Amino acid sequence: MQFDHFFREYPNYGAHQAGYCISAGLEWLLDWMQEPVREQDIAYLRTQTGSAGKRLFGDDFLDWLGRNGTFGGLTLHAIPKAG
């Protein structure tokens, strides 16, 4: 099973732009983020292509990810799961 947590910007509703994001099911993401990105992960990402056959990730990004592939600089804030 695969999940993605991704957004580029807060939703823009015309006259109002949201200033927050609600995301559920963060436990698996936090567990995954405890480990740095591995060489085999980067090798896998190098093989990924879009529907047109073009690579999804450039070498410059993957090289950067290999050097900086930890999540130690991120701060996540979440409300504990109820119940």
Protein backbone atom coordinates (compact mmCIF):
# COMPACT_ATOMS: atom_id res chain seq x y z
CA MET A 1 0.00 0.00 0.00
CA GLN A 2 1.29 3.48 -0.84
CA PHE A 3 0.30 6.87 0.52
CA ASP A 4 1.39 10.36 -0.45
CA HIS A 5 1.45 13.47 1.72
CA PHE A 6 1.99 16.39 -0.62
CA PHE A 7 0.73 19.85 -1.38
CA ARG A 8 2.35 22.86 -3.02
CA GLU A 9 0.36 25.66 -1.47
CA TYR A 10 -2.65 26.31 0.66
CA PRO A 11 -5.99 26.25 -1.21
CA ASN A 12 -6.99 29.57 -2.76
CA TYR A 13 -10.73 30.19 -2.68
CA GLY A 14 -10.68 33.46 -4.60
CA ALA A 15 -11.18 36.10 -1.93
CA HIS A 16 -9.90 33.76 0.79
CA GLN A 17 -6.73 31.69 0.88
CA ALA A 18 -6.62 28.97 3.54
CA GLY A 19 -3.81 29.31 6.09
CA TYR A 20 -3.70 25.73 7.31
CA CYS A 21 -3.72 22.14 6.11
CA ILE A 22 -5.47 19.16 7.70
CA SER A 23 -3.88 15.77 7.17
CA ALA A 24 -4.88 12.49 8.79
CA GLY A 25 -2.90 9.27 9.25
CA LEU A 26 0.52 10.77 9.93
CA GLU A 27 1.89 7.88 12.02
CA TRP A 28 3.20 5.90 9.02
CA LEU A 29 4.79 9.08 7.60
CA LEU A 30 6.55 9.87 10.87
CA ASP A 31 7.83 6.30 11.12
CA TRP A 32 9.16 6.49 7.56
CA MET A 33 10.86 9.84 8.21
CA GLN A 34 12.92 8.40 11.08
CA GLU A 35 15.34 6.84 8.58
CA PRO A 36 17.48 8.72 6.03
CA VAL A 37 16.94 8.19 2.32
CA ARG A 38 18.94 5.11 1.30
CA GLU A 39 21.09 4.63 -1.82
CA GLN A 40 18.65 1.99 -3.08
CA ASP A 41 15.81 4.50 -2.70
CA ILE A 42 17.66 6.98 -4.89
CA ALA A 43 18.49 4.26 -7.41
CA TYR A 44 14.78 3.41 -7.57
CA LEU A 45 13.81 7.06 -8.03
CA ARG A 46 16.29 7.30 -10.94
CA THR A 47 14.26 4.66 -12.79
CA GLN A 48 10.89 6.38 -12.40
CA THR A 49 9.35 7.91 -15.51
CA GLY A 50 6.14 9.77 -16.28
CA SER A 51 3.50 8.76 -18.81
CA ALA A 52 5.58 10.31 -21.63
CA GLY A 53 8.61 8.21 -20.64
CA LYS A 54 10.61 11.17 -19.30
CA ARG A 55 12.42 10.74 -15.99
CA LEU A 56 10.53 12.23 -13.04
CA PHE A 57 13.61 13.24 -11.02
CA GLY A 58 16.71 14.98 -12.35
CA ASP A 59 20.24 13.97 -11.38
CA ASP A 60 20.81 17.30 -9.62
CA PHE A 61 17.86 16.69 -7.30
CA LEU A 62 18.76 13.04 -6.68
CA ASP A 63 22.38 13.97 -5.92
CA TRP A 64 21.15 16.62 -3.48
CA LEU A 65 18.78 14.08 -1.91
CA GLY A 66 21.67 11.65 -1.46
CA ARG A 67 23.70 14.29 0.37
CA ASN A 68 20.81 15.78 2.37
CA GLY A 69 18.36 12.88 2.57
CA THR A 70 17.41 13.22 6.18
CA PHE A 71 14.42 14.98 7.59
CA GLY A 72 16.21 16.38 10.63
CA GLY A 73 15.63 19.97 9.53
CA LEU A 74 11.86 19.63 9.37
CA THR A 75 9.44 20.46 12.12
CA LEU A 76 6.00 18.86 12.03
CA HIS A 77 3.16 19.93 14.27
CA ALA A 78 0.16 17.67 14.69
CA ILE A 79 -2.74 17.19 17.04
CA PRO A 80 -2.61 13.77 18.74
CA LYS A 81 -5.06 11.18 17.49
CA ALA A 82 -8.20 11.09 19.61
CA GLY A 83 -9.25 7.87 21.27
